Amino acid sequence: MDAVAAWQGRELPAGRVVPRDNLHVTLAFLGSRPAEELPSIVAALGDAGAAARTPRLTIREYRESRSAGMLVLEDEGGHAAALADDVQARLEQLGVYRREQRPWLPHLTVVRYRQRPRLRPRLPEIDSVVPSDAAVYLSRLRPSGAQYEVVDVVGLGG
């Protein structure tokens, strides 16, 4: 993630850059959940992680939505999508998650803004990323942006 953070400093002149420690690929966004659901959520992620094949992600393009800029990732072999699908299915079975209508898109949100800057940055020159674990995060919204706290980490691929 150091290379992405360095790229952000060079290529993203507008908006609020997502800090290095907050860069992540979201498998499933749950929103606000009661604390007593946390053990079953962590267990579901752990079971999916143990069954997962190792994902390999490469940067494909920079894309902007109305409020964020992201690096869209190519999911070589589809292993990250299979992991996301497994996690989402397990969370649905628990009754703590409902899938979005659009397909899951592997990406790193790298900048947030109020007004779309319509940037066309050069892509960072980074080799494939091979994640070895996944985490459950607690997100707290602050005036300066989201603050993430790692609640638990599980390994990928047993």
C-alpha atoms as a PDB file:
ATOM      1  CA  MET A   1       0.000   0.000   0.000  1.00  0.00           C
ATOM      2  CA  ASP A   2       3.010   2.296   0.285  1.00  0.00           C
ATOM      3  CA  ALA A   3       3.181   2.533  -3.515  1.00  0.00           C
ATOM      4  CA  VAL A   4      -0.521   3.484  -3.719  1.00  0.00           C
ATOM      5  CA  ALA A   5      -0.059   6.146  -1.024  1.00  0.00           C
ATOM      6  CA  ALA A   6       2.920   7.620  -2.910  1.00  0.00           C
ATOM      7  CA  TRP A   7       0.867   7.602  -6.125  1.00  0.00           C
ATOM      8  CA  GLN A   8      -2.011   9.384  -4.368  1.00  0.00           C
ATOM      9  CA  GLY A   9       0.338  12.197  -3.360  1.00  0.00           C
ATOM     10  CA  ARG A  10       1.551  12.634  -6.950  1.00  0.00           C
ATOM     11  CA  GLU A  11      -1.628  12.084  -8.970  1.00  0.00           C
ATOM     12  CA  LEU A  12      -4.607  13.185  -6.856  1.00  0.00           C
ATOM     13  CA  PRO A  13      -4.534  16.980  -6.445  1.00  0.00           C
ATOM     14  CA  ALA A  14      -8.239  17.376  -5.610  1.00  0.00           C
ATOM     15  CA  GLY A  15     -10.401  16.033  -2.795  1.00  0.00           C
ATOM     16  CA  ARG A  16      -9.633  14.232   0.454  1.00  0.00           C
ATOM     17  CA  VAL A  17      -7.114  11.443  -0.115  1.00  0.00           C
ATOM     18  CA  VAL A  18      -7.920   8.205   1.712  1.00  0.00           C
ATOM     19  CA  PRO A  19      -5.081   7.605   4.216  1.00  0.00           C
ATOM     20  CA  ARG A  20      -2.791   4.636   3.578  1.00  0.00           C
ATOM     21  CA  ASP A  21      -4.039   2.763   6.649  1.00  0.00           C
ATOM     22  CA  ASN A  22      -7.659   3.053   5.414  1.00  0.00           C
ATOM     23  CA  LEU A  23      -7.047   1.545   1.962  1.00  0.00           C
ATOM     24  CA  HIS A  24      -8.932  -1.744   1.611  1.00  0.00           C
ATOM     25  CA  VAL A  25     -11.087  -3.842  -0.711  1.00  0.00           C
ATOM     26  CA  THR A  26     -14.588  -4.221   0.740  1.00  0.00           C
ATOM     27  CA  LEU A  27     -16.081  -7.718   0.486  1.00  0.00           C
ATOM     28  CA  ALA A  28     -19.408  -6.747   2.113  1.00  0.00           C
ATOM     29  CA  PHE A  29     -20.524  -3.485   3.725  1.00  0.00           C
ATOM     30  CA  LEU A  30     -22.864  -4.183   6.629  1.00  0.00           C
ATOM     31  CA  GLY A  31     -23.625  -0.721   7.941  1.00  0.00           C
ATOM     32  CA  SER A  32     -24.632  -0.399  11.582  1.00  0.00           C
ATOM     33  CA  ARG A  33     -25.034  -3.756  13.367  1.00  0.00           C
ATOM     34  CA  PRO A  34     -25.607  -4.699  17.029  1.00  0.00           C
ATOM     35  CA  ALA A  35     -22.436  -5.694  18.893  1.00  0.00           C
ATOM     36  CA  GLU A  36     -23.828  -9.120  19.807  1.00  0.00           C
ATOM     37  CA  GLU A  37     -23.775 -10.096  16.094  1.00  0.00           C
ATOM     38  CA  LEU A  38     -20.016  -9.603  15.859  1.00  0.00           C
ATOM     39  CA  PRO A  39     -18.898 -13.150  16.835  1.00  0.00           C
ATOM     40  CA  SER A  40     -21.089 -14.770  14.161  1.00  0.00           C
ATOM     41  CA  ILE A  41     -19.942 -12.202  11.547  1.00  0.00           C
ATOM     42  CA  VAL A  42     -16.280 -12.919  12.337  1.00  0.00           C
ATOM     43  CA  ALA A  43     -16.964 -16.682  12.217  1.00  0.00           C
ATOM     44  CA  ALA A  44     -18.645 -16.343   8.807  1.00  0.00           C
ATOM     45  CA  LEU A  45     -15.643 -14.408   7.455  1.00  0.00           C
ATOM     46  CA  GLY A  46     -13.276 -16.983   8.976  1.00  0.00           C
ATOM     47  CA  ASP A  47     -15.114 -19.902   7.366  1.00  0.00           C
ATOM     48  CA  ALA A  48     -15.181 -18.149   3.978  1.00  0.00           C
ATOM     49  CA  GLY A  49     -11.517 -17.198   4.317  1.00  0.00           C
ATOM     50  CA  ALA A  50     -10.481 -20.754   5.121  1.00  0.00           C
ATOM     51  CA  ALA A  51     -12.295 -22.044   2.026  1.00  0.00           C
ATOM     52  CA  ALA A  52     -10.936 -19.310  -0.264  1.00  0.00           C
ATOM     53  CA  ARG A  53      -8.393 -19.713  -3.031  1.00  0.00           C
ATOM     54  CA  THR A  54      -5.666 -17.072  -3.005  1.00  0.00           C
ATOM     55  CA  PRO A  55      -6.826 -13.901  -4.797  1.00  0.00           C
ATOM     56  CA  ARG A  56      -4.513 -11.993  -7.131  1.00  0.00           C
ATOM     57  CA  LEU A  57      -5.489  -8.410  -7.923  1.00  0.00           C
ATOM     58  CA  THR A  58      -4.009  -5.947 -10.421  1.00  0.00           C
ATOM     59  CA  ILE A  59      -4.937  -2.344 -11.137  1.00  0.00           C
ATOM     60  CA  ARG A  60      -7.125  -2.030 -14.238  1.00  0.00           C
ATOM     61  CA  GLU A  61      -8.324   1.601 -14.283  1.00  0.00           C
ATOM     62  CA  TYR A  62      -9.113   4.762 -12.335  1.00  0.00           C
ATOM     63  CA  ARG A  63     -12.842   5.533 -12.078  1.00  0.00           C
ATOM     64  CA  GLU A  64     -14.907   8.236 -10.378  1.00  0.00           C
ATOM     65  CA  SER A  65     -18.366   8.052  -8.868  1.00  0.00           C
ATOM     66  CA  ARG A  66     -20.181  11.200  -7.772  1.00  0.00           C
ATOM     67  CA  SER A  67     -18.340  11.257  -4.420  1.00  0.00           C
ATOM     68  CA  ALA A  68     -15.238   9.059  -4.697  1.00  0.00           C
ATOM     69  CA  GLY A  69     -12.331   8.122  -6.948  1.00  0.00           C
ATOM     70  CA  MET A  70     -11.208   4.505  -7.044  1.00  0.00           C
ATOM     71  CA  LEU A  71      -8.686   2.134  -8.525  1.00  0.00           C
ATOM     72  CA  VAL A  72     -10.697  -0.665 -10.110  1.00  0.00           C
ATOM     73  CA  LEU A  73      -8.937  -4.009  -9.763  1.00  0.00           C
ATOM     74  CA  GLU A  74      -8.716  -6.953 -12.124  1.00  0.00           C
ATOM     75  CA  ASP A  75      -9.501 -10.188 -10.274  1.00  0.00           C
ATOM     76  CA  GLU A  76      -7.214 -12.743 -11.912  1.00  0.00           C
ATOM     77  CA  GLY A  77      -8.914 -16.134 -11.821  1.00  0.00           C
ATOM     78  CA  GLY A  78     -12.033 -14.742 -10.127  1.00  0.00           C
ATOM     79  CA  HIS A  79     -10.883 -15.856  -6.660  1.00  0.00           C
ATOM     80  CA  ALA A  80     -11.623 -12.502  -4.987  1.00  0.00           C
ATOM     81  CA  ALA A  81     -15.147 -12.479  -6.459  1.00  0.00           C
ATOM     82  CA  ALA A  82     -15.689 -16.049  -5.253  1.00  0.00           C
ATOM     83  CA  LEU A  83     -14.559 -15.010  -1.762  1.00  0.00           C
ATOM     84  CA  ALA A  84     -16.854 -11.971  -1.780  1.00  0.00           C
ATOM     85  CA  ASP A  85     -19.757 -14.138  -2.952  1.00  0.00           C
ATOM     86  CA  ASP A  86     -19.106 -16.711  -0.220  1.00  0.00           C
ATOM     87  CA  VAL A  87     -18.825 -14.040   2.496  1.00  0.00           C
ATOM     88  CA  GLN A  88     -22.009 -12.334   1.306  1.00  0.00           C
ATOM     89  CA  ALA A  89     -23.944 -15.633   1.162  1.00  0.00           C
ATOM     90  CA  ARG A  90     -22.852 -16.549   4.704  1.00  0.00           C
ATOM     91  CA  LEU A  91     -23.794 -13.100   6.000  1.00  0.00           C
ATOM     92  CA  GLU A  92     -27.182 -13.328   4.268  1.00  0.00           C
ATOM     93  CA  GLN A  93     -27.795 -16.672   5.986  1.00  0.00           C
ATOM     94  CA  LEU A  94     -27.122 -14.939   9.318  1.00  0.00           C
ATOM     95  CA  GLY A  95     -29.634 -12.231   8.405  1.00  0.00           C
ATOM     96  CA  VAL A  96     -27.073  -9.420   8.790  1.00  0.00           C
ATOM     97  CA  TYR A  97     -26.553  -8.553   5.125  1.00  0.00           C
ATOM     98  CA  ARG A  98     -28.518  -7.971   1.946  1.00  0.00           C
ATOM     99  CA  ARG A  99     -26.723  -8.035  -1.404  1.00  0.00           C
ATOM    100  CA  GLU A 100     -26.647  -4.970  -3.611  1.00  0.00           C
ATOM    101  CA  GLN A 101     -28.380  -5.102  -6.999  1.00  0.00           C
ATOM    102  CA  ARG A 102     -25.160  -4.398  -8.889  1.00  0.00           C
ATOM    103  CA  PRO A 103     -22.368  -6.976  -9.105  1.00  0.00           C
ATOM    104  CA  TRP A 104     -19.473  -6.785  -6.643  1.00  0.00           C
ATOM    105  CA  LEU A 105     -16.611  -4.634  -7.962  1.00  0.00           C
ATOM    106  CA  PRO A 106     -13.116  -5.123  -6.528  1.00  0.00           C
ATOM    107  CA  HIS A 107     -11.658  -1.648  -5.980  1.00  0.00           C
ATOM    108  CA  LEU A 108      -9.675   0.611  -3.678  1.00  0.00           C
ATOM    109  CA  THR A 109     -11.304   3.934  -2.864  1.00  0.00           C
ATOM    110  CA  VAL A 110      -8.376   6.375  -3.026  1.00  0.00           C
ATOM    111  CA  VAL A 111      -9.999   9.830  -2.820  1.00  0.00           C
ATOM    112  CA  ARG A 112     -13.301  11.366  -1.700  1.00  0.00           C
ATOM    113  CA  TYR A 113     -14.675  14.735  -2.777  1.00  0.00           C
ATOM    114  CA  ARG A 114     -17.743  16.962  -2.691  1.00  0.00           C
ATOM    115  CA  GLN A 115     -17.509  17.931  -6.351  1.00  0.00           C
ATOM    116  CA  ARG A 116     -16.364  15.436  -8.964  1.00  0.00           C
ATOM    117  CA  PRO A 117     -12.918  16.589 -10.182  1.00  0.00           C
ATOM    118  CA  ARG A 118     -12.934  14.481 -13.385  1.00  0.00           C
ATOM    119  CA  LEU A 119      -9.312  13.464 -12.923  1.00  0.00           C
ATOM    120  CA  ARG A 120      -7.391  11.384 -15.445  1.00  0.00           C
ATOM    121  CA  PRO A 121      -4.387  10.260 -13.397  1.00  0.00           C
ATOM    122  CA  ARG A 122      -1.722   7.935 -14.668  1.00  0.00           C
ATOM    123  CA  LEU A 123      -2.161   4.544 -13.023  1.00  0.00           C
ATOM    124  CA  PRO A 124       0.313   3.483 -10.351  1.00  0.00           C
ATOM    125  CA  GLU A 125       2.916   1.024 -11.570  1.00  0.00           C
ATOM    126  CA  ILE A 126       2.312  -1.802  -9.128  1.00  0.00           C
ATOM    127  CA  ASP A 127       2.615  -5.540  -9.599  1.00  0.00           C
ATOM    128  CA  SER A 128      -0.221  -7.828  -8.611  1.00  0.00           C
ATOM    129  CA  VAL A 129      -1.357  -7.752  -5.000  1.00  0.00           C
ATOM    130  CA  VAL A 130      -1.928 -11.096  -3.284  1.00  0.00           C
ATOM    131  CA  PRO A 131      -3.819 -10.595  -0.007  1.00  0.00           C
ATOM    132  CA  SER A 132      -3.128 -13.140   2.724  1.00  0.00           C
ATOM    133  CA  ASP A 133      -5.910 -12.145   5.098  1.00  0.00           C
ATOM    134  CA  ALA A 134      -9.256 -10.385   5.474  1.00  0.00           C
ATOM    135  CA  ALA A 135     -10.522  -8.227   8.322  1.00  0.00           C
ATOM    136  CA  VAL A 136     -13.715  -7.151  10.003  1.00  0.00           C
ATOM    137  CA  TYR A 137     -13.601  -3.373  10.459  1.00  0.00           C
ATOM    138  CA  LEU A 138     -15.507  -0.996  12.666  1.00  0.00           C
ATOM    139  CA  SER A 139     -15.966   2.312  10.872  1.00  0.00           C
ATOM    140  CA  ARG A 140     -16.532   5.553  12.757  1.00  0.00           C
ATOM    141  CA  LEU A 141     -17.456   8.641  10.770  1.00  0.00           C
ATOM    142  CA  ARG A 142     -15.513  11.766  11.731  1.00  0.00           C
ATOM    143  CA  PRO A 143     -15.475  15.276  10.205  1.00  0.00           C
ATOM    144  CA  SER A 144     -12.042  14.422   8.778  1.00  0.00           C
ATOM    145  CA  GLY A 145     -13.370  11.187   7.212  1.00  0.00           C
ATOM    146  CA  ALA A 146     -13.949   7.613   8.270  1.00  0.00           C
ATOM    147  CA  GLN A 147     -11.740   6.140  10.978  1.00  0.00           C
ATOM    148  CA  TYR A 148     -11.337   2.367  10.753  1.00  0.00           C
ATOM    149  CA  GLU A 149     -10.598  -0.002  13.605  1.00  0.00           C
ATOM    150  CA  VAL A 150      -9.665  -3.624  12.882  1.00  0.00           C
ATOM    151  CA  VAL A 151     -11.902  -5.846  15.013  1.00  0.00           C
ATOM    152  CA  ASP A 152     -10.575  -9.218  13.856  1.00  0.00           C
ATOM    153  CA  VAL A 153      -8.377 -10.658  11.094  1.00  0.00           C
ATOM    154  CA  VAL A 154      -8.725 -14.058   9.418  1.00  0.00           C
ATOM    155  CA  GLY A 155      -6.342 -15.837   7.080  1.00  0.00           C
ATOM    156  CA  LEU A 156      -7.216 -16.684   3.499  1.00  0.00           C
ATOM    157  CA  GLY A 157      -6.816 -20.150   2.032  1.00  0.00           C
ATOM    158  CA  GLY A 158      -6.788 -22.217   5.183  1.00  0.00           C
END
